[in-house]
Amino acid sequence: MPSRPSKRLQTFSNPAPERDFRIHMEIPEFTCLCPMTGQPDFAVLTLDYIADKLCVELKSLKLYVWSYRNEGAFHEAVTNQILDDLARATKPRWMRLEAKFNVRGGIHTSVIAEHVKRGFKKP
């Protein structure tokens, strides 16, 4: 059965919750639609986080990212929505998402959003 896009993020238990270690992911094939023109916008997403009790499962992350392919979204809004969804699912100690969008109209846009658990000193 073929995979389908999904907004459902799955998690698994952090294998070393006693240690602060950084998880780094590069997602080079993010696509959404410009809400003004309907044309595709392409970005490289870079996700860094320090897990608390949960880590995000990679296939569910892939399907989640794919779910934006046909949605209209401003760069700033979609970056913050993805960070919010990931932080809600994993409840990390710290998380940072950078979205580097391809040049559009001669302008290169990068959006960086962070989530920090209360009481945690960010790296």
N, C-alpha and C. Protein backbone atom coordinates (compact mmCIF):
# COMPACT_ATOMS: atom_id res chain seq x y z
N MET A 1 0.85 -1.17 0.00
CA MET A 1 0.00 0.00 0.00
C MET A 1 0.90 1.24 0.00
N PRO A 2 0.67 2.18 -0.93
CA PRO A 2 1.51 3.36 -1.00
C PRO A 2 1.29 4.30 0.19
N SER A 3 2.33 5.05 0.51
CA SER A 3 2.23 6.05 1.58
C SER A 3 1.40 7.22 1.11
N ARG A 4 0.84 7.93 2.08
CA ARG A 4 0.06 9.13 1.80
C ARG A 4 0.50 10.24 2.76
N PRO A 5 0.35 11.50 2.33
CA PRO A 5 0.67 12.59 3.24
C PRO A 5 -0.18 12.52 4.50
N SER A 6 0.36 12.97 5.61
CA SER A 6 -0.37 12.90 6.88
C SER A 6 0.12 13.99 7.82
N LYS A 7 -0.78 14.57 8.59
CA LYS A 7 -0.41 15.55 9.60
C LYS A 7 -0.09 14.88 10.94
N ARG A 8 -0.15 13.55 11.00
CA ARG A 8 0.07 12.82 12.25
C ARG A 8 1.57 12.56 12.47
N LEU A 9 2.12 13.19 13.49
CA LEU A 9 3.51 12.97 13.84
C LEU A 9 3.60 11.88 14.90
N GLN A 10 4.39 10.86 14.65
CA GLN A 10 4.57 9.78 15.60
C GLN A 10 5.90 9.97 16.33
N THR A 11 5.98 9.42 17.53
CA THR A 11 7.18 9.57 18.35
C THR A 11 7.63 8.22 18.88
N PHE A 12 8.82 8.20 19.44
CA PHE A 12 9.33 7.03 20.16
C PHE A 12 10.12 7.53 21.36
N SER A 13 10.35 6.67 22.32
CA SER A 13 11.04 7.06 23.55
C SER A 13 12.49 7.43 23.29
N ASN A 14 12.92 8.50 23.91
CA ASN A 14 14.31 8.93 23.84
C ASN A 14 15.18 7.83 24.45
N PRO A 15 16.17 7.31 23.70
CA PRO A 15 17.00 6.23 24.23
C PRO A 15 17.99 6.67 25.30
N ALA A 16 18.22 7.99 25.46
CA ALA A 16 19.17 8.48 26.47
C ALA A 16 18.62 9.77 27.10
N PRO A 17 17.49 9.68 27.81
CA PRO A 17 16.86 10.90 28.34
C PRO A 17 17.68 11.61 29.41
N GLU A 18 18.67 10.94 29.97
CA GLU A 18 19.50 11.56 31.00
C GLU A 18 20.55 12.51 30.41
N ARG A 19 20.73 12.48 29.08
CA ARG A 19 21.78 13.26 28.42
C ARG A 19 21.17 14.28 27.47
N ASP A 20 21.76 15.47 27.44
CA ASP A 20 21.40 16.46 26.43
C ASP A 20 22.23 16.17 25.18
N PHE A 21 21.61 15.66 24.14
CA PHE A 21 22.29 15.46 22.87
C PHE A 21 21.43 16.05 21.77
N ARG A 22 22.08 16.62 20.78
CA ARG A 22 21.38 17.31 19.71
C ARG A 22 21.08 16.36 18.56
N ILE A 23 19.85 16.40 18.11
CA ILE A 23 19.42 15.65 16.93
C ILE A 23 19.33 16.66 15.79
N HIS A 24 19.98 16.36 14.68
CA HIS A 24 20.04 17.27 13.55
C HIS A 24 19.45 16.58 12.33
N MET A 25 18.51 17.24 11.66
CA MET A 25 17.89 16.68 10.46
C MET A 25 17.86 17.75 9.37
N GLU A 26 18.15 17.34 8.16
CA GLU A 26 18.01 18.21 7.00
C GLU A 26 16.95 17.61 6.09
N ILE A 27 15.99 18.44 5.73
CA ILE A 27 14.86 18.01 4.93
C ILE A 27 14.88 18.86 3.66
N PRO A 28 15.52 18.35 2.58
CA PRO A 28 15.77 19.18 1.42
C PRO A 28 14.62 19.29 0.41
N GLU A 29 13.51 18.62 0.65
CA GLU A 29 12.46 18.59 -0.37
C GLU A 29 11.13 19.16 0.11
N PHE A 30 11.16 20.20 0.97
CA PHE A 30 9.90 20.79 1.43
C PHE A 30 9.29 21.61 0.31
N THR A 31 7.99 21.46 0.13
CA THR A 31 7.24 22.21 -0.88
C THR A 31 5.90 22.62 -0.31
N CYS A 32 5.53 23.87 -0.56
CA CYS A 32 4.17 24.35 -0.29
C CYS A 32 3.82 25.28 -1.45
N LEU A 33 2.65 25.88 -1.39
CA LEU A 33 2.23 26.79 -2.45
C LEU A 33 2.19 28.22 -1.94
N CYS A 34 2.55 29.15 -2.80
CA CYS A 34 2.42 30.56 -2.47
C CYS A 34 0.93 30.88 -2.39
N PRO A 35 0.47 31.43 -1.25
CA PRO A 35 -0.96 31.71 -1.12
C PRO A 35 -1.44 32.85 -2.02
N MET A 36 -0.52 33.62 -2.56
CA MET A 36 -0.89 34.74 -3.43
C MET A 36 -0.99 34.31 -4.90
N THR A 37 -0.05 33.47 -5.34
CA THR A 37 0.00 33.11 -6.76
C THR A 37 -0.37 31.67 -7.05
N GLY A 38 -0.31 30.82 -6.01
CA GLY A 38 -0.56 29.39 -6.22
C GLY A 38 0.65 28.65 -6.78
N GLN A 39 1.76 29.36 -6.99
CA GLN A 39 2.96 28.72 -7.51
C GLN A 39 3.69 28.00 -6.38
N PRO A 40 4.45 26.95 -6.73
CA PRO A 40 5.15 26.20 -5.68
C PRO A 40 6.31 26.99 -5.10
N ASP A 41 6.49 26.83 -3.79
CA ASP A 41 7.65 27.35 -3.07
C ASP A 41 8.43 26.15 -2.56
N PHE A 42 9.74 26.18 -2.72
CA PHE A 42 10.60 25.08 -2.31
C PHE A 42 11.54 25.57 -1.21
N ALA A 43 11.80 24.70 -0.24
CA ALA A 43 12.69 25.08 0.86
C ALA A 43 13.46 23.87 1.36
N VAL A 44 14.58 24.16 1.99
CA VAL A 44 15.32 23.18 2.76
C VAL A 44 15.02 23.49 4.22
N LEU A 45 14.49 22.50 4.93
CA LEU A 45 14.22 22.66 6.36
C LEU A 45 15.38 22.03 7.13
N THR A 46 15.85 22.73 8.14
CA THR A 46 16.88 22.19 9.03
C THR A 46 16.30 22.18 10.43
N LEU A 47 16.19 21.01 10.99
CA LEU A 47 15.62 20.82 12.32
C LEU A 47 16.72 20.37 13.27
N ASP A 48 16.86 21.09 14.37
CA ASP A 48 17.77 20.70 15.44
C ASP A 48 16.96 20.67 16.73
N TYR A 49 17.14 19.63 17.53
CA TYR A 49 16.45 19.61 18.82
C TYR A 49 17.17 18.76 19.84
N ILE A 50 16.89 19.08 21.09
CA ILE A 50 17.34 18.28 22.22
C ILE A 50 16.08 17.67 22.81
N ALA A 51 15.97 16.37 22.67
CA ALA A 51 14.77 15.67 23.11
C ALA A 51 14.70 15.63 24.63
N ASP A 52 13.49 15.53 25.14
CA ASP A 52 13.29 15.26 26.56
C ASP A 52 12.96 13.78 26.68
N LYS A 53 11.71 13.42 26.60
CA LYS A 53 11.32 12.01 26.71
C LYS A 53 11.00 11.37 25.37
N LEU A 54 10.73 12.20 24.33
CA LEU A 54 10.28 11.67 23.04
C LEU A 54 11.11 12.21 21.88
N CYS A 55 11.25 11.38 20.85
CA CYS A 55 11.88 11.76 19.58
C CYS A 55 10.85 11.60 18.48
N VAL A 56 11.00 12.37 17.41
CA VAL A 56 10.07 12.25 16.29
C VAL A 56 10.51 11.08 15.40
N GLU A 57 9.55 10.30 14.97
CA GLU A 57 9.80 9.15 14.10
C GLU A 57 9.94 9.66 12.66
N LEU A 58 10.97 9.21 11.94
CA LEU A 58 11.33 9.81 10.66
C LEU A 58 10.30 9.62 9.55
N LYS A 59 9.72 8.46 9.42
CA LYS A 59 8.74 8.27 8.33
C LYS A 59 7.53 9.17 8.55
N SER A 60 7.07 9.30 9.79
CA SER A 60 5.94 10.19 10.04
C SER A 60 6.31 11.64 9.75
N LEU A 61 7.56 12.03 10.01
CA LEU A 61 8.02 13.37 9.69
C LEU A 61 8.01 13.58 8.18
N LYS A 62 8.46 12.59 7.44
CA LYS A 62 8.46 12.68 5.98
C LYS A 62 7.04 12.87 5.45
N LEU A 63 6.09 12.08 5.96
CA LEU A 63 4.70 12.18 5.51
C LEU A 63 4.07 13.50 5.95
N TYR A 64 4.47 13.99 7.12
CA TYR A 64 3.99 15.28 7.62
C TYR A 64 4.46 16.41 6.69
N VAL A 65 5.74 16.41 6.37
CA VAL A 65 6.29 17.44 5.48
C VAL A 65 5.60 17.38 4.12
N TRP A 66 5.36 16.19 3.64
CA TRP A 66 4.70 15.98 2.35
C TRP A 66 3.29 16.57 2.37
N SER A 67 2.64 16.60 3.51
CA SER A 67 1.26 17.07 3.59
C SER A 67 1.11 18.55 3.24
N TYR A 68 2.19 19.30 3.20
CA TYR A 68 2.13 20.72 2.85
C TYR A 68 2.23 20.97 1.34
N ARG A 69 2.50 19.96 0.57
CA ARG A 69 2.76 20.12 -0.86
C ARG A 69 1.68 20.91 -1.60
N ASN A 70 0.42 20.70 -1.26
CA ASN A 70 -0.67 21.36 -1.97
C ASN A 70 -1.37 22.42 -1.14
N GLU A 71 -0.72 22.89 -0.06
CA GLU A 71 -1.30 23.91 0.80
C GLU A 71 -0.65 25.26 0.55
N GLY A 72 -1.47 26.29 0.54
CA GLY A 72 -0.96 27.64 0.43
C GLY A 72 -0.51 28.12 1.81
N ALA A 73 0.69 28.68 1.88
CA ALA A 73 1.20 29.14 3.18
C ALA A 73 2.30 30.17 2.98
N PHE A 74 2.23 31.23 3.77
CA PHE A 74 3.34 32.17 3.79
C PHE A 74 4.52 31.53 4.50
N HIS A 75 5.73 31.88 4.10
CA HIS A 75 6.94 31.28 4.66
C HIS A 75 6.98 31.36 6.18
N GLU A 76 6.67 32.53 6.71
CA GLU A 76 6.72 32.75 8.15
C GLU A 76 5.70 31.88 8.88
N ALA A 77 4.51 31.79 8.32
CA ALA A 77 3.44 31.02 8.96
C ALA A 77 3.73 29.53 8.94
N VAL A 78 4.17 29.01 7.81
CA VAL A 78 4.38 27.57 7.72
C VAL A 78 5.56 27.13 8.58
N THR A 79 6.60 27.93 8.67
CA THR A 79 7.74 27.59 9.52
C THR A 79 7.31 27.50 10.98
N ASN A 80 6.56 28.50 11.44
CA ASN A 80 6.10 28.49 12.82
C ASN A 80 5.09 27.38 13.09
N GLN A 81 4.23 27.06 12.11
CA GLN A 81 3.27 25.97 12.29
C GLN A 81 3.98 24.62 12.44
N ILE A 82 4.97 24.39 11.59
CA ILE A 82 5.72 23.13 11.67
C ILE A 82 6.42 23.02 13.02
N LEU A 83 7.08 24.10 13.46
CA LEU A 83 7.75 24.08 14.76
C LEU A 83 6.74 23.80 15.87
N ASP A 84 5.60 24.48 15.84
CA ASP A 84 4.57 24.27 16.88
C ASP A 84 4.11 22.82 16.91
N ASP A 85 3.87 22.24 15.74
CA ASP A 85 3.40 20.84 15.67
C ASP A 85 4.46 19.87 16.19
N LEU A 86 5.71 20.09 15.81
CA LEU A 86 6.79 19.22 16.28
C LEU A 86 6.99 19.36 17.79
N ALA A 87 6.95 20.58 18.29
CA ALA A 87 7.13 20.81 19.73
C ALA A 87 5.96 20.20 20.51
N ARG A 88 4.75 20.30 19.97
CA ARG A 88 3.58 19.72 20.65
C ARG A 88 3.70 18.19 20.71
N ALA A 89 4.19 17.59 19.64
CA ALA A 89 4.29 16.13 19.57
C ALA A 89 5.41 15.58 20.45
N THR A 90 6.55 16.26 20.49
CA THR A 90 7.73 15.71 21.17
C THR A 90 8.04 16.34 22.52
N LYS A 91 7.52 17.54 22.78
CA LYS A 91 7.80 18.26 24.03
C LYS A 91 9.31 18.29 24.33
N PRO A 92 10.10 18.84 23.39
CA PRO A 92 11.55 18.82 23.55
C PRO A 92 12.05 19.81 24.59
N ARG A 93 13.29 19.62 25.00
CA ARG A 93 13.93 20.60 25.87
C ARG A 93 14.21 21.88 25.08
N TRP A 94 14.62 21.68 23.82
CA TRP A 94 14.93 22.80 22.93
C TRP A 94 14.73 22.34 21.50
N MET A 95 14.23 23.24 20.65
CA MET A 95 14.03 22.90 19.25
C MET A 95 14.19 24.17 18.41
N ARG A 96 14.83 24.00 17.26
CA ARG A 96 15.04 25.11 16.32
C ARG A 96 14.76 24.61 14.92
N LEU A 97 13.95 25.36 14.19
CA LEU A 97 13.64 25.02 12.80
C LEU A 97 14.03 26.20 11.92
N GLU A 98 14.86 25.92 10.93
CA GLU A 98 15.20 26.93 9.94
C GLU A 98 14.66 26.49 8.60
N ALA A 99 13.96 27.40 7.92
CA ALA A 99 13.43 27.13 6.58
C ALA A 99 14.10 28.09 5.61
N LYS A 100 14.90 27.54 4.70
CA LYS A 100 15.59 28.34 3.69
C LYS A 100 14.85 28.14 2.37
N PHE A 101 14.09 29.14 1.99
CA PHE A 101 13.29 29.06 0.77
C PHE A 101 14.12 29.47 -0.44
N ASN A 102 13.83 28.83 -1.57
CA ASN A 102 14.51 29.18 -2.81
C ASN A 102 14.16 30.62 -3.20
N VAL A 103 15.01 31.21 -4.00
CA VAL A 103 14.80 32.59 -4.45
C VAL A 103 13.48 32.69 -5.19
N ARG A 104 12.73 33.73 -4.84
CA ARG A 104 11.46 34.02 -5.52
C ARG A 104 11.43 35.52 -5.76
N GLY A 105 11.34 35.95 -7.02
CA GLY A 105 11.31 37.38 -7.33
C GLY A 105 12.58 38.10 -6.91
N GLY A 106 13.71 37.39 -6.94
CA GLY A 106 14.98 38.00 -6.59
C GLY A 106 15.23 38.10 -5.09
N ILE A 107 14.35 37.46 -4.28
CA ILE A 107 14.49 37.54 -2.82
C ILE A 107 14.66 36.14 -2.24
N HIS A 108 15.70 35.97 -1.45
CA HIS A 108 15.92 34.70 -0.75
C HIS A 108 15.44 34.89 0.68
N THR A 109 14.55 34.02 1.13
CA THR A 109 13.98 34.13 2.47
C THR A 109 14.40 32.96 3.34
N SER A 110 14.85 33.25 4.56
CA SER A 110 15.09 32.24 5.58
C SER A 110 14.27 32.64 6.80
N VAL A 111 13.59 31.67 7.38
CA VAL A 111 12.81 31.90 8.59
C VAL A 111 13.35 30.94 9.65
N ILE A 112 13.65 31.47 10.83
CA ILE A 112 14.17 30.66 11.93
C ILE A 112 13.24 30.84 13.13
N ALA A 113 12.77 29.71 13.66
CA ALA A 113 11.89 29.74 14.83
C ALA A 113 12.43 28.78 15.88
N GLU A 114 12.29 29.15 17.16
CA GLU A 114 12.78 28.32 18.26
C GLU A 114 11.72 28.08 19.31
N HIS A 115 11.87 26.95 19.96
CA HIS A 115 11.04 26.58 21.10
C HIS A 115 12.00 26.19 22.22
N VAL A 116 11.77 26.72 23.42
CA VAL A 116 12.62 26.37 24.57
C VAL A 116 11.71 25.98 25.73
N LYS A 117 11.94 24.80 26.29
CA LYS A 117 11.18 24.35 27.46
C LYS A 117 11.49 25.26 28.64
N ARG A 118 10.48 25.62 29.36
CA ARG A 118 10.66 26.50 30.53
C ARG A 118 11.71 25.91 31.47
N GLY A 119 12.67 26.73 31.85
CA GLY A 119 13.70 26.31 32.79
C GLY A 119 14.94 25.69 32.12
N PHE A 120 14.87 25.44 30.81
CA PHE A 120 16.02 24.83 30.12
C PHE A 120 16.89 25.95 29.54
N LYS A 121 18.19 25.84 29.76
CA LYS A 121 19.13 26.80 29.18
C LYS A 121 19.42 26.38 27.76
N LYS A 122 19.06 27.23 26.80
CA LYS A 122 19.26 26.85 25.41
C LYS A 122 20.75 26.79 25.07
N PRO A 123 21.10 25.88 24.17
CA PRO A 123 22.51 25.67 23.81
C PRO A 123 23.10 26.85 23.04
